[in-house]
Amino acid sequence: MTGTEDRRIPTIGDELARNVAHGRIEVVASVRLFDGGGIVLADGTKIEPDVVIAATGYRRGLEPLVGHLGVLDGQGRPVSNGVPTATAGLWLAGYDEPLIGPMRSFRLQASAIARDIACYLDAAS
């Protein structure tokens, strides 16, 4: 059940479905843990992706995923929201409560983060 029945409205970017269909984005099991340069998924699989986009929803609950990386404050909020990166290779977005509204804030953050990720990946290769 999605949509108005369970009071959850899915948000999908314009390019997401097309990129998944063409294999440019791979959807995998949920992330259980960031472990060094790799990621452990809920199904036990370990992967080393170029990029992880984790849509965690409106509740933070990031402690199990990234709490050990020193990127959260005492209340579990990211110490860096958007750019600059929270730590090498990790960007967190959408953890503010802007007066312009969350969707506009996400759009504004997305371009800056995408540019920063591109520079990070270029430097790593």
PDB file of N, CA and C in Angstrom:
ATOM      1  N   MET A   1       0.842  -1.157   0.000  1.00  0.00           N
ATOM      2  CA  MET A   1       0.000   0.000   0.000  1.00  0.00           C
ATOM      3  C   MET A   1       0.899   1.235   0.000  1.00  0.00           C
ATOM      4  N   THR A   2       0.684   2.139  -0.930  1.00  0.00           N
ATOM      5  CA  THR A   2       1.418   3.398  -0.957  1.00  0.00           C
ATOM      6  C   THR A   2       0.458   4.518  -1.254  1.00  0.00           C
ATOM      7  N   GLY A   3       0.956   5.710  -1.128  1.00  0.00           N
ATOM      8  CA  GLY A   3       0.126   6.853  -1.439  1.00  0.00           C
ATOM      9  C   GLY A   3      -0.711   7.278  -0.264  1.00  0.00           C
ATOM     10  N   THR A   4      -1.897   7.730  -0.532  1.00  0.00           N
ATOM     11  CA  THR A   4      -2.717   8.315   0.522  1.00  0.00           C
ATOM     12  C   THR A   4      -3.252   7.295   1.514  1.00  0.00           C
ATOM     13  N   GLU A   5      -3.336   6.011   1.164  1.00  0.00           N
ATOM     14  CA  GLU A   5      -3.872   5.021   2.089  1.00  0.00           C
ATOM     15  C   GLU A   5      -3.025   4.891   3.356  1.00  0.00           C
ATOM     16  N   ASP A   6      -1.701   4.930   3.213  1.00  0.00           N
ATOM     17  CA  ASP A   6      -0.853   4.789   4.394  1.00  0.00           C
ATOM     18  C   ASP A   6      -0.153   6.094   4.763  1.00  0.00           C
ATOM     19  N   ARG A   7      -0.610   7.195   4.189  1.00  0.00           N
ATOM     20  CA  ARG A   7      -0.101   8.531   4.483  1.00  0.00           C
ATOM     21  C   ARG A   7       1.359   8.694   4.106  1.00  0.00           C
ATOM     22  N   ARG A   8       1.822   7.952   3.111  1.00  0.00           N
ATOM     23  CA  ARG A   8       3.186   8.069   2.614  1.00  0.00           C
ATOM     24  C   ARG A   8       3.107   8.367   1.126  1.00  0.00           C
ATOM     25  N   ILE A   9       3.788   9.387   0.706  1.00  0.00           N
ATOM     26  CA  ILE A   9       3.771   9.768  -0.698  1.00  0.00           C
ATOM     27  C   ILE A   9       5.163   9.520  -1.272  1.00  0.00           C
ATOM     28  N   PRO A  10       5.287   8.621  -2.236  1.00  0.00           N
ATOM     29  CA  PRO A  10       6.615   8.363  -2.811  1.00  0.00           C
ATOM     30  C   PRO A  10       7.082   9.555  -3.635  1.00  0.00           C
ATOM     31  N   THR A  11       8.386   9.802  -3.590  1.00  0.00           N
ATOM     32  CA  THR A  11       8.989  10.867  -4.376  1.00  0.00           C
ATOM     33  C   THR A  11       9.999  10.236  -5.319  1.00  0.00           C
ATOM     34  N   ILE A  12       9.832  10.470  -6.597  1.00  0.00           N
ATOM     35  CA  ILE A  12      10.729   9.892  -7.589  1.00  0.00           C
ATOM     36  C   ILE A  12      11.210  11.005  -8.499  1.00  0.00           C
ATOM     37  N   GLY A  13      12.537  11.117  -8.657  1.00  0.00           N
ATOM     38  CA  GLY A  13      13.107  12.101  -9.557  1.00  0.00           C
ATOM     39  C   GLY A  13      12.795  11.759 -11.000  1.00  0.00           C
ATOM     40  N   ASP A  14      12.821  12.764 -11.835  1.00  0.00           N
ATOM     41  CA  ASP A  14      12.492  12.605 -13.247  1.00  0.00           C
ATOM     42  C   ASP A  14      13.324  11.541 -13.952  1.00  0.00           C
ATOM     43  N   GLU A  15      14.577  11.438 -13.611  1.00  0.00           N
ATOM     44  CA  GLU A  15      15.483  10.547 -14.330  1.00  0.00           C
ATOM     45  C   GLU A  15      15.646   9.177 -13.677  1.00  0.00           C
ATOM     46  N   LEU A  16      15.137   8.986 -12.471  1.00  0.00           N
ATOM     47  CA  LEU A  16      15.390   7.743 -11.739  1.00  0.00           C
ATOM     48  C   LEU A  16      14.914   6.503 -12.482  1.00  0.00           C
ATOM     49  N   ALA A  17      13.648   6.444 -12.837  1.00  0.00           N
ATOM     50  CA  ALA A  17      13.106   5.241 -13.475  1.00  0.00           C
ATOM     51  C   ALA A  17      13.839   4.913 -14.771  1.00  0.00           C
ATOM     52  N   ARG A  18      14.124   5.913 -15.573  1.00  0.00           N
ATOM     53  CA  ARG A  18      14.828   5.702 -16.840  1.00  0.00           C
ATOM     54  C   ARG A  18      16.240   5.141 -16.601  1.00  0.00           C
ATOM     55  N   ASN A  19      16.953   5.696 -15.616  1.00  0.00           N
ATOM     56  CA  ASN A  19      18.309   5.226 -15.337  1.00  0.00           C
ATOM     57  C   ASN A  19      18.327   3.823 -14.735  1.00  0.00           C
ATOM     58  N   VAL A  20      17.326   3.486 -13.937  1.00  0.00           N
ATOM     59  CA  VAL A  20      17.219   2.116 -13.423  1.00  0.00           C
ATOM     60  C   VAL A  20      16.942   1.168 -14.581  1.00  0.00           C
ATOM     61  N   ALA A  21      16.021   1.528 -15.448  1.00  0.00           N
ATOM     62  CA  ALA A  21      15.658   0.675 -16.587  1.00  0.00           C
ATOM     63  C   ALA A  21      16.842   0.430 -17.518  1.00  0.00           C
ATOM     64  N   HIS A  22      17.708   1.424 -17.672  1.00  0.00           N
ATOM     65  CA  HIS A  22      18.864   1.298 -18.552  1.00  0.00           C
ATOM     66  C   HIS A  22      20.099   0.749 -17.839  1.00  0.00           C
ATOM     67  N   GLY A  23      19.965   0.383 -16.563  1.00  0.00           N
ATOM     68  CA  GLY A  23      21.073  -0.242 -15.847  1.00  0.00           C
ATOM     69  C   GLY A  23      22.129   0.717 -15.343  1.00  0.00           C
ATOM     70  N   ARG A  24      21.892   2.013 -15.420  1.00  0.00           N
ATOM     71  CA  ARG A  24      22.867   2.988 -14.916  1.00  0.00           C
ATOM     72  C   ARG A  24      22.774   3.142 -13.403  1.00  0.00           C
ATOM     73  N   ILE A  25      21.637   2.773 -12.839  1.00  0.00           N
ATOM     74  CA  ILE A  25      21.446   2.760 -11.395  1.00  0.00           C
ATOM     75  C   ILE A  25      20.977   1.365 -11.024  1.00  0.00           C
ATOM     76  N   GLU A  26      21.639   0.780 -10.039  1.00  0.00           N
ATOM     77  CA  GLU A  26      21.252  -0.551  -9.575  1.00  0.00           C
ATOM     78  C   GLU A  26      20.598  -0.435  -8.208  1.00  0.00           C
ATOM     79  N   VAL A  27      19.431  -0.973  -8.075  1.00  0.00           N
ATOM     80  CA  VAL A  27      18.733  -0.995  -6.797  1.00  0.00           C
ATOM     81  C   VAL A  27      19.139  -2.277  -6.083  1.00  0.00           C
ATOM     82  N   VAL A  28      19.571  -2.152  -4.829  1.00  0.00           N
ATOM     83  CA  VAL A  28      20.031  -3.312  -4.058  1.00  0.00           C
ATOM     84  C   VAL A  28      19.279  -3.368  -2.733  1.00  0.00           C
ATOM     85  N   ALA A  29      19.568  -4.395  -1.952  1.00  0.00           N
ATOM     86  CA  ALA A  29      18.958  -4.527  -0.624  1.00  0.00           C
ATOM     87  C   ALA A  29      19.337  -3.319   0.229  1.00  0.00           C
ATOM     88  N   SER A  30      18.634  -3.113   1.309  1.00  0.00           N
ATOM     89  CA  SER A  30      18.922  -1.969   2.168  1.00  0.00           C
ATOM     90  C   SER A  30      20.315  -2.085   2.781  1.00  0.00           C
ATOM     91  N   VAL A  31      20.872  -0.937   3.103  1.00  0.00           N
ATOM     92  CA  VAL A  31      22.206  -0.869   3.694  1.00  0.00           C
ATOM     93  C   VAL A  31      22.105  -1.171   5.179  1.00  0.00           C
ATOM     94  N   ARG A  32      22.915  -2.123   5.617  1.00  0.00           N
ATOM     95  CA  ARG A  32      22.972  -2.432   7.046  1.00  0.00           C
ATOM     96  C   ARG A  32      24.086  -1.651   7.715  1.00  0.00           C
ATOM     97  N   LEU A  33      25.249  -1.514   7.016  1.00  0.00           N
ATOM     98  CA  LEU A  33      26.418  -0.904   7.641  1.00  0.00           C
ATOM     99  C   LEU A  33      27.389  -0.419   6.585  1.00  0.00           C
ATOM    100  N   PHE A  34      27.954   0.764   6.802  1.00  0.00           N
ATOM    101  CA  PHE A  34      29.086   1.224   6.007  1.00  0.00           C
ATOM    102  C   PHE A  34      30.321   0.700   6.697  1.00  0.00           C
ATOM    103  N   ASP A  35      31.146  -0.050   5.976  1.00  0.00           N
ATOM    104  CA  ASP A  35      32.279  -0.741   6.570  1.00  0.00           C
ATOM    105  C   ASP A  35      33.537  -0.412   5.783  1.00  0.00           C
ATOM    106  N   GLY A  36      34.290   0.582   6.245  1.00  0.00           N
ATOM    107  CA  GLY A  36      35.482   0.989   5.510  1.00  0.00           C
ATOM    108  C   GLY A  36      35.106   1.463   4.128  1.00  0.00           C
ATOM    109  N   GLY A  37      35.731   0.897   3.103  1.00  0.00           N
ATOM    110  CA  GLY A  37      35.429   1.267   1.731  1.00  0.00           C
ATOM    111  C   GLY A  37      34.241   0.527   1.157  1.00  0.00           C
ATOM    112  N   GLY A  38      33.668  -0.386   1.922  1.00  0.00           N
ATOM    113  CA  GLY A  38      32.566  -1.188   1.418  1.00  0.00           C
ATOM    114  C   GLY A  38      31.297  -0.983   2.206  1.00  0.00           C
ATOM    115  N   ILE A  39      30.290  -1.706   1.768  1.00  0.00           N
ATOM    116  CA  ILE A  39      28.976  -1.614   2.388  1.00  0.00           C
ATOM    117  C   ILE A  39      28.446  -3.027   2.585  1.00  0.00           C
ATOM    118  N   VAL A  40      27.885  -3.277   3.749  1.00  0.00           N
ATOM    119  CA  VAL A  40      27.234  -4.550   4.027  1.00  0.00           C
ATOM    120  C   VAL A  40      25.731  -4.317   3.893  1.00  0.00           C
ATOM    121  N   LEU A  41      25.097  -5.106   3.025  1.00  0.00           N
ATOM    122  CA  LEU A  41      23.658  -4.986   2.796  1.00  0.00           C
ATOM    123  C   LEU A  41      22.885  -5.876   3.755  1.00  0.00           C
ATOM    124  N   ALA A  42      21.596  -5.631   3.855  1.00  0.00           N
ATOM    125  CA  ALA A  42      20.740  -6.394   4.771  1.00  0.00           C
ATOM    126  C   ALA A  42      20.763  -7.886   4.471  1.00  0.00           C
ATOM    127  N   ASP A  43      20.978  -8.254   3.208  1.00  0.00           N
ATOM    128  CA  ASP A  43      21.009  -9.672   2.846  1.00  0.00           C
ATOM    129  C   ASP A  43      22.391 -10.296   3.044  1.00  0.00           C
ATOM    130  N   GLY A  44      23.338  -9.529   3.633  1.00  0.00           N
ATOM    131  CA  GLY A  44      24.680 -10.032   3.904  1.00  0.00           C
ATOM    132  C   GLY A  44      25.679  -9.790   2.785  1.00  0.00           C
ATOM    133  N   THR A  45      25.216  -9.364   1.630  1.00  0.00           N
ATOM    134  CA  THR A  45      26.093  -9.077   0.504  1.00  0.00           C
ATOM    135  C   THR A  45      26.991  -7.894   0.839  1.00  0.00           C
ATOM    136  N   LYS A  46      28.259  -7.972   0.426  1.00  0.00           N
ATOM    137  CA  LYS A  46      29.173  -6.845   0.579  1.00  0.00           C
ATOM    138  C   LYS A  46      29.442  -6.270  -0.806  1.00  0.00           C
ATOM    139  N   ILE A  47      29.334  -4.952  -0.916  1.00  0.00           N
ATOM    140  CA  ILE A  47      29.562  -4.290  -2.193  1.00  0.00           C
ATOM    141  C   ILE A  47      30.477  -3.090  -1.999  1.00  0.00           C
ATOM    142  N   GLU A  48      31.110  -2.642  -3.083  1.00  0.00           N
ATOM    143  CA  GLU A  48      31.936  -1.440  -3.078  1.00  0.00           C
ATOM    144  C   GLU A  48      31.465  -0.540  -4.221  1.00  0.00           C
ATOM    145  N   PRO A  49      30.361   0.144  -4.012  1.00  0.00           N
ATOM    146  CA  PRO A  49      29.796   0.970  -5.078  1.00  0.00           C
ATOM    147  C   PRO A  49      30.549   2.286  -5.257  1.00  0.00           C
ATOM    148  N   ASP A  50      30.375   2.894  -6.412  1.00  0.00           N
ATOM    149  CA  ASP A  50      30.922   4.226  -6.642  1.00  0.00           C
ATOM    150  C   ASP A  50      30.142   5.253  -5.842  1.00  0.00           C
ATOM    151  N   VAL A  51      28.839   5.078  -5.788  1.00  0.00           N
ATOM    152  CA  VAL A  51      27.954   6.038  -5.120  1.00  0.00           C
ATOM    153  C   VAL A  51      26.820   5.280  -4.448  1.00  0.00           C
ATOM    154  N   VAL A  52      26.426   5.749  -3.267  1.00  0.00           N
ATOM    155  CA  VAL A  52      25.253   5.221  -2.578  1.00  0.00           C
ATOM    156  C   VAL A  52      24.306   6.389  -2.359  1.00  0.00           C
ATOM    157  N   ILE A  53      23.090   6.231  -2.796  1.00  0.00           N
ATOM    158  CA  ILE A  53      22.053   7.213  -2.496  1.00  0.00           C
ATOM    159  C   ILE A  53      21.069   6.500  -1.601  1.00  0.00           C
ATOM    160  N   ALA A  54      21.075   6.873  -0.339  1.00  0.00           N
ATOM    161  CA  ALA A  54      20.209   6.219   0.627  1.00  0.00           C
ATOM    162  C   ALA A  54      19.068   7.162   0.972  1.00  0.00           C
ATOM    163  N   ALA A  55      17.895   6.834   0.541  1.00  0.00           N
ATOM    164  CA  ALA A  55      16.716   7.628   0.863  1.00  0.00           C
ATOM    165  C   ALA A  55      16.163   7.087   2.165  1.00  0.00           C
ATOM    166  N   THR A  56      16.553   7.714   3.265  1.00  0.00           N
ATOM    167  CA  THR A  56      16.227   7.186   4.583  1.00  0.00           C
ATOM    168  C   THR A  56      14.895   7.685   5.119  1.00  0.00           C
ATOM    169  N   GLY A  57      14.259   8.581   4.414  1.00  0.00           N
ATOM    170  CA  GLY A  57      12.967   9.090   4.871  1.00  0.00           C
ATOM    171  C   GLY A  57      13.123  10.245   5.829  1.00  0.00           C
ATOM    172  N   TYR A  58      12.061  10.563   6.496  1.00  0.00           N
ATOM    173  CA  TYR A  58      12.043  11.744   7.352  1.00  0.00           C
ATOM    174  C   TYR A  58      12.530  11.490   8.768  1.00  0.00           C
ATOM    175  N   ARG A  59      12.730  10.264   9.129  1.00  0.00           N
ATOM    176  CA  ARG A  59      13.285   9.960  10.442  1.00  0.00           C
ATOM    177  C   ARG A  59      14.770   9.701  10.259  1.00  0.00           C
ATOM    178  N   ARG A  60      15.552  10.229  11.162  1.00  0.00           N
ATOM    179  CA  ARG A  60      16.995  10.094  10.984  1.00  0.00           C
ATOM    180  C   ARG A  60      17.437   8.641  11.157  1.00  0.00           C
ATOM    181  N   GLY A  61      17.569   8.175  12.358  1.00  0.00           N
ATOM    182  CA  GLY A  61      17.979   6.799  12.608  1.00  0.00           C
ATOM    183  C   GLY A  61      19.274   6.418  11.910  1.00  0.00           C
ATOM    184  N   LEU A  62      20.206   7.363  11.796  1.00  0.00           N
ATOM    185  CA  LEU A  62      21.448   7.106  11.065  1.00  0.00           C
ATOM    186  C   LEU A  62      22.532   6.445  11.916  1.00  0.00           C
ATOM    187  N   GLU A  63      22.349   6.390  13.210  1.00  0.00           N
ATOM    188  CA  GLU A  63      23.390   5.882  14.097  1.00  0.00           C
ATOM    189  C   GLU A  63      23.910   4.509  13.707  1.00  0.00           C
ATOM    190  N   PRO A  64      23.033   3.522  13.406  1.00  0.00           N
ATOM    191  CA  PRO A  64      23.568   2.206  13.033  1.00  0.00           C
ATOM    192  C   PRO A  64      24.382   2.230  11.741  1.00  0.00           C
ATOM    193  N   LEU A  65      24.049   3.155  10.834  1.00  0.00           N
ATOM    194  CA  LEU A  65      24.736   3.201   9.541  1.00  0.00           C
ATOM    195  C   LEU A  65      26.047   3.965   9.597  1.00  0.00           C
ATOM    196  N   VAL A  66      26.026   5.150  10.202  1.00  0.00           N
ATOM    197  CA  VAL A  66      27.202   6.023  10.125  1.00  0.00           C
ATOM    198  C   VAL A  66      27.632   6.590  11.464  1.00  0.00           C
ATOM    199  N   GLY A  67      26.983   6.175  12.557  1.00  0.00           N
ATOM    200  CA  GLY A  67      27.324   6.701  13.873  1.00  0.00           C
ATOM    201  C   GLY A  67      28.784   6.523  14.234  1.00  0.00           C
ATOM    202  N   HIS A  68      29.377   5.448  13.814  1.00  0.00           N
ATOM    203  CA  HIS A  68      30.776   5.152  14.121  1.00  0.00           C
ATOM    204  C   HIS A  68      31.756   6.003  13.318  1.00  0.00           C
ATOM    205  N   LEU A  69      31.258   6.788  12.369  1.00  0.00           N
ATOM    206  CA  LEU A  69      32.138   7.604  11.522  1.00  0.00           C
ATOM    207  C   LEU A  69      32.356   9.010  12.069  1.00  0.00           C
ATOM    208  N   GLY A  70      31.707   9.361  13.174  1.00  0.00           N
ATOM    209  CA  GLY A  70      31.881  10.686  13.762  1.00  0.00           C
ATOM    210  C   GLY A  70      31.228  11.810  12.975  1.00  0.00           C
ATOM    211  N   VAL A  71      30.181  11.492  12.217  1.00  0.00           N
ATOM    212  CA  VAL A  71      29.522  12.497  11.377  1.00  0.00           C
ATOM    213  C   VAL A  71      28.177  12.954  11.951  1.00  0.00           C
ATOM    214  N   LEU A  72      27.854  12.501  13.171  1.00  0.00           N
ATOM    215  CA  LEU A  72      26.588  12.866  13.803  1.00  0.00           C
ATOM    216  C   LEU A  72      26.850  13.599  15.111  1.00  0.00           C
ATOM    217  N   ASP A  73      25.931  14.509  15.460  1.00  0.00           N
ATOM    218  CA  ASP A  73      26.062  15.186  16.744  1.00  0.00           C
ATOM    219  C   ASP A  73      25.422  14.332  17.841  1.00  0.00           C
ATOM    220  N   GLY A  74      25.339  14.843  19.042  1.00  0.00           N
ATOM    221  CA  GLY A  74      24.816  14.100  20.184  1.00  0.00           C
ATOM    222  C   GLY A  74      23.357  13.697  20.063  1.00  0.00           C
ATOM    223  N   GLN A  75      22.592  14.380  19.184  1.00  0.00           N
ATOM    224  CA  GLN A  75      21.191  14.039  18.967  1.00  0.00           C
ATOM    225  C   GLN A  75      20.991  13.189  17.707  1.00  0.00           C
ATOM    226  N   GLY A  76      22.076  12.731  17.100  1.00  0.00           N
ATOM    227  CA  GLY A  76      21.978  11.892  15.907  1.00  0.00           C
ATOM    228  C   GLY A  76      21.767  12.659  14.621  1.00  0.00           C
ATOM    229  N   ARG A  77      21.933  13.984  14.655  1.00  0.00           N
ATOM    230  CA  ARG A  77      21.798  14.800  13.445  1.00  0.00           C
ATOM    231  C   ARG A  77      23.147  14.913  12.754  1.00  0.00           C
ATOM    232  N   PRO A  78      23.168  14.918  11.437  1.00  0.00           N
ATOM    233  CA  PRO A  78      24.427  15.092  10.715  1.00  0.00           C
ATOM    234  C   PRO A  78      25.085  16.428  11.059  1.00  0.00           C
ATOM    235  N   VAL A  79      26.401  16.406  11.255  1.00  0.00           N
ATOM    236  CA  VAL A  79      27.120  17.650  11.526  1.00  0.00           C
ATOM    237  C   VAL A  79      27.324  18.448  10.239  1.00  0.00           C
ATOM    238  N   SER A  80      27.175  17.794   9.093  1.00  0.00           N
ATOM    239  CA  SER A  80      27.268  18.464   7.803  1.00  0.00           C
ATOM    240  C   SER A  80      26.059  18.052   6.978  1.00  0.00           C
ATOM    241  N   ASN A  81      25.336  19.020   6.466  1.00  0.00           N
ATOM    242  CA  ASN A  81      24.144  18.774   5.667  1.00  0.00           C
ATOM    243  C   ASN A  81      24.390  19.367   4.288  1.00  0.00           C
ATOM    244  N   GLY A  82      24.560  18.524   3.297  1.00  0.00           N
ATOM    245  CA  GLY A  82      24.868  19.008   1.946  1.00  0.00           C
ATOM    246  C   GLY A  82      26.360  19.063   1.727  1.00  0.00           C
ATOM    247  N   VAL A  83      26.832  20.166   1.191  1.00  0.00           N
ATOM    248  CA  VAL A  83      28.264  20.368   0.950  1.00  0.00           C
ATOM    249  C   VAL A  83      28.748  21.336   2.006  1.00  0.00           C
ATOM    250  N   PRO A  84      29.890  21.084   2.648  1.00  0.00           N
ATOM    251  CA  PRO A  84      30.916  20.093   2.327  1.00  0.00           C
ATOM    252  C   PRO A  84      30.533  18.689   2.791  1.00  0.00           C
ATOM    253  N   THR A  85      31.288  17.731   2.291  1.00  0.00           N
ATOM    254  CA  THR A  85      31.069  16.340   2.636  1.00  0.00           C
ATOM    255  C   THR A  85      31.209  16.124   4.146  1.00  0.00           C
ATOM    256  N   ALA A  86      30.421  15.189   4.677  1.00  0.00           N
ATOM    257  CA  ALA A  86      30.487  14.866   6.103  1.00  0.00           C
ATOM    258  C   ALA A  86      31.833  14.229   6.447  1.00  0.00           C
ATOM    259  N   THR A  87      32.287  13.367   5.581  1.00  0.00           N
ATOM    260  CA  THR A  87      33.595  12.729   5.672  1.00  0.00           C
ATOM    261  C   THR A  87      33.900  12.246   4.257  1.00  0.00           C
ATOM    262  N   ALA A  88      35.116  11.880   3.986  1.00  0.00           N
ATOM    263  CA  ALA A  88      35.501  11.511   2.622  1.00  0.00           C
ATOM    264  C   ALA A  88      34.522  10.512   2.022  1.00  0.00           C
ATOM    265  N   GLY A  89      33.862  10.922   0.940  1.00  0.00           N
ATOM    266  CA  GLY A  89      32.958  10.033   0.224  1.00  0.00           C
ATOM    267  C   GLY A  89      31.554   9.920   0.791  1.00  0.00           C
ATOM    268  N   LEU A  90      31.197  10.748   1.768  1.00  0.00           N
ATOM    269  CA  LEU A  90      29.865  10.671   2.370  1.00  0.00           C
ATOM    270  C   LEU A  90      29.226  12.059   2.403  1.00  0.00           C
ATOM    271  N   TRP A  91      28.098  12.180   1.737  1.00  0.00           N
ATOM    272  CA  TRP A  91      27.319  13.419   1.736  1.00  0.00           C
ATOM    273  C   TRP A  91      25.957  13.114   2.325  1.00  0.00           C
ATOM    274  N   LEU A  92      25.473  13.993   3.157  1.00  0.00           N
ATOM    275  CA  LEU A  92      24.161  13.844   3.768  1.00  0.00           C
ATOM    276  C   LEU A  92      23.331  15.059   3.375  1.00  0.00           C
ATOM    277  N   ALA A  93      22.090  14.822   3.008  1.00  0.00           N
ATOM    278  CA  ALA A  93      21.238  15.921   2.566  1.00  0.00           C
ATOM    279  C   ALA A  93      19.833  15.757   3.101  1.00  0.00           C
ATOM    280  N   GLY A  94      19.136  16.875   3.229  1.00  0.00           N
ATOM    281  CA  GLY A  94      17.746  16.842   3.635  1.00  0.00           C
ATOM    282  C   GLY A  94      17.542  16.821   5.134  1.00  0.00           C
ATOM    283  N   TYR A  95      18.550  17.132   5.892  1.00  0.00           N
ATOM    284  CA  TYR A  95      18.435  17.070   7.342  1.00  0.00           C
ATOM    285  C   TYR A  95      18.309  18.448   7.974  1.00  0.00           C
ATOM    286  N   ASP A  96      17.717  19.360   7.231  1.00  0.00           N
ATOM    287  CA  ASP A  96      17.429  20.670   7.780  1.00  0.00           C
ATOM    288  C   ASP A  96      15.925  20.906   7.679  1.00  0.00           C
ATOM    289  N   GLU A  97      15.469  21.964   8.245  1.00  0.00           N
ATOM    290  CA  GLU A  97      14.051  22.311   8.174  1.00  0.00           C
ATOM    291  C   GLU A  97      13.946  23.723   7.613  1.00  0.00           C
ATOM    292  N   PRO A  98      14.150  23.873   6.306  1.00  0.00           N
ATOM    293  CA  PRO A  98      14.203  25.206   5.716  1.00  0.00           C
ATOM    294  C   PRO A  98      12.818  25.842   5.564  1.00  0.00           C
ATOM    295  N   LEU A  99      12.799  27.145   5.634  1.00  0.00           N
ATOM    296  CA  LEU A  99      11.540  27.864   5.435  1.00  0.00           C
ATOM    297  C   LEU A  99      11.048  27.745   3.994  1.00  0.00           C
ATOM    298  N   ILE A 100      11.955  27.433   3.048  1.00  0.00           N
ATOM    299  CA  ILE A 100      11.560  27.308   1.640  1.00  0.00           C
ATOM    300  C   ILE A 100      10.888  25.975   1.349  1.00  0.00           C
ATOM    301  N   GLY A 101      10.864  25.083   2.326  1.00  0.00           N
ATOM    302  CA  GLY A 101      10.245  23.770   2.152  1.00  0.00           C
ATOM    303  C   GLY A 101      11.274  22.714   1.789  1.00  0.00           C
ATOM    304  N   PRO A 102      11.021  21.469   2.184  1.00  0.00           N
ATOM    305  CA  PRO A 102      12.020  20.420   1.981  1.00  0.00           C
ATOM    306  C   PRO A 102      12.286  20.084   0.516  1.00  0.00           C
ATOM    307  N   MET A 103      11.280  20.037  -0.324  1.00  0.00           N
ATOM    308  CA  MET A 103      11.520  19.637  -1.712  1.00  0.00           C
ATOM    309  C   MET A 103      12.398  20.649  -2.439  1.00  0.00           C
ATOM    310  N   ARG A 104      12.146  21.932  -2.246  1.00  0.00           N
ATOM    311  CA  ARG A 104      12.997  22.954  -2.865  1.00  0.00           C
ATOM    312  C   ARG A 104      14.417  22.866  -2.306  1.00  0.00           C
ATOM    313  N   SER A 105      14.527  22.641  -1.013  1.00  0.00           N
ATOM    314  CA  SER A 105      15.838  22.503  -0.390  1.00  0.00           C
ATOM    315  C   SER A 105      16.588  21.310  -0.979  1.00  0.00           C
ATOM    316  N   PHE A 106      15.895  20.177  -1.165  1.00  0.00           N
ATOM    317  CA  PHE A 106      16.530  18.994  -1.752  1.00  0.00           C
ATOM    318  C   PHE A 106      17.066  19.320  -3.142  1.00  0.00           C
ATOM    319  N   ARG A 107      16.247  19.990  -3.953  1.00  0.00           N
ATOM    320  CA  ARG A 107      16.676  20.337  -5.308  1.00  0.00           C
ATOM    321  C   ARG A 107      17.906  21.234  -5.285  1.00  0.00           C
ATOM    322  N   LEU A 108      17.935  22.202  -4.391  1.00  0.00           N
ATOM    323  CA  LEU A 108      19.085  23.095  -4.305  1.00  0.00           C
ATOM    324  C   LEU A 108      20.330  22.349  -3.836  1.00  0.00           C
ATOM    325  N   GLN A 109      20.183  21.458  -2.900  1.00  0.00           N
ATOM    326  CA  GLN A 109      21.318  20.688  -2.402  1.00  0.00           C
ATOM    327  C   GLN A 109      21.813  19.681  -3.434  1.00  0.00           C
ATOM    328  N   ALA A 110      20.907  19.102  -4.186  1.00  0.00           N
ATOM    329  CA  ALA A 110      21.255  18.004  -5.097  1.00  0.00           C
ATOM    330  C   ALA A 110      22.312  18.405  -6.118  1.00  0.00           C
ATOM    331  N   SER A 111      22.177  19.553  -6.727  1.00  0.00           N
ATOM    332  CA  SER A 111      23.141  19.965  -7.755  1.00  0.00           C
ATOM    333  C   SER A 111      24.530  20.163  -7.163  1.00  0.00           C
ATOM    334  N   ALA A 112      24.599  20.836  -6.018  1.00  0.00           N
ATOM    335  CA  ALA A 112      25.896  21.060  -5.382  1.00  0.00           C
ATOM    336  C   ALA A 112      26.539  19.740  -4.959  1.00  0.00           C
ATOM    337  N   ILE A 113      25.731  18.841  -4.413  1.00  0.00           N
ATOM    338  CA  ILE A 113      26.264  17.545  -4.003  1.00  0.00           C
ATOM    339  C   ILE A 113      26.713  16.739  -5.212  1.00  0.00           C
ATOM    340  N   ALA A 114      25.926  16.752  -6.276  1.00  0.00           N
ATOM    341  CA  ALA A 114      26.306  16.009  -7.489  1.00  0.00           C
ATOM    342  C   ALA A 114      27.637  16.518  -8.037  1.00  0.00           C
ATOM    343  N   ARG A 115      27.836  17.822  -8.062  1.00  0.00           N
ATOM    344  CA  ARG A 115      29.117  18.379  -8.528  1.00  0.00           C
ATOM    345  C   ARG A 115      30.259  17.935  -7.618  1.00  0.00           C
ATOM    346  N   ASP A 116      30.019  17.963  -6.306  1.00  0.00           N
ATOM    347  CA  ASP A 116      31.047  17.570  -5.355  1.00  0.00           C
ATOM    348  C   ASP A 116      31.387  16.088  -5.497  1.00  0.00           C
ATOM    349  N   ILE A 117      30.370  15.254  -5.703  1.00  0.00           N
ATOM    350  CA  ILE A 117      30.595  13.818  -5.902  1.00  0.00           C
ATOM    351  C   ILE A 117      31.404  13.589  -7.181  1.00  0.00           C
ATOM    352  N   ALA A 118      31.056  14.295  -8.254  1.00  0.00           N
ATOM    353  CA  ALA A 118      31.786  14.144  -9.520  1.00  0.00           C
ATOM    354  C   ALA A 118      33.264  14.491  -9.330  1.00  0.00           C
ATOM    355  N   CYS A 119      33.544  15.566  -8.605  1.00  0.00           N
ATOM    356  CA  CYS A 119      34.945  15.945  -8.344  1.00  0.00           C
ATOM    357  C   CYS A 119      35.640  14.882  -7.496  1.00  0.00           C
ATOM    358  N   TYR A 120      34.940  14.373  -6.517  1.00  0.00           N
ATOM    359  CA  TYR A 120      35.496  13.334  -5.638  1.00  0.00           C
ATOM    360  C   TYR A 120      35.834  12.073  -6.440  1.00  0.00           C
ATOM    361  N   LEU A 121      34.907  11.660  -7.314  1.00  0.00           N
ATOM    362  CA  LEU A 121      35.146  10.459  -8.122  1.00  0.00           C
ATOM    363  C   LEU A 121      36.269  10.682  -9.140  1.00  0.00           C
ATOM    364  N   ASP A 122      36.336  11.865  -9.729  1.00  0.00           N
ATOM    365  CA  ASP A 122      37.425  12.171 -10.654  1.00  0.00           C
ATOM    366  C   ASP A 122      38.776  12.104  -9.963  1.00  0.00           C
ATOM    367  N   ALA A 123      38.849  12.655  -8.748  1.00  0.00           N
ATOM    368  CA  ALA A 123      40.099  12.643  -8.001  1.00  0.00           C
ATOM    369  C   ALA A 123      40.507  11.227  -7.577  1.00  0.00           C
ATOM    370  N   ALA A 124      39.496  10.376  -7.351  1.00  0.00           N
ATOM    371  CA  ALA A 124      39.775   9.006  -6.916  1.00  0.00           C
ATOM    372  C   ALA A 124      40.238   8.101  -8.051  1.00  0.00           C
ATOM    373  N   SER A 125      39.942   8.503  -9.286  1.00  0.00           N
ATOM    374  CA  SER A 125      40.309   7.609 -10.414  1.00  0.00           C
ATOM    375  C   SER A 125      41.629   7.981 -11.030  1.00  0.00           C
TER     376      SER A 125
END
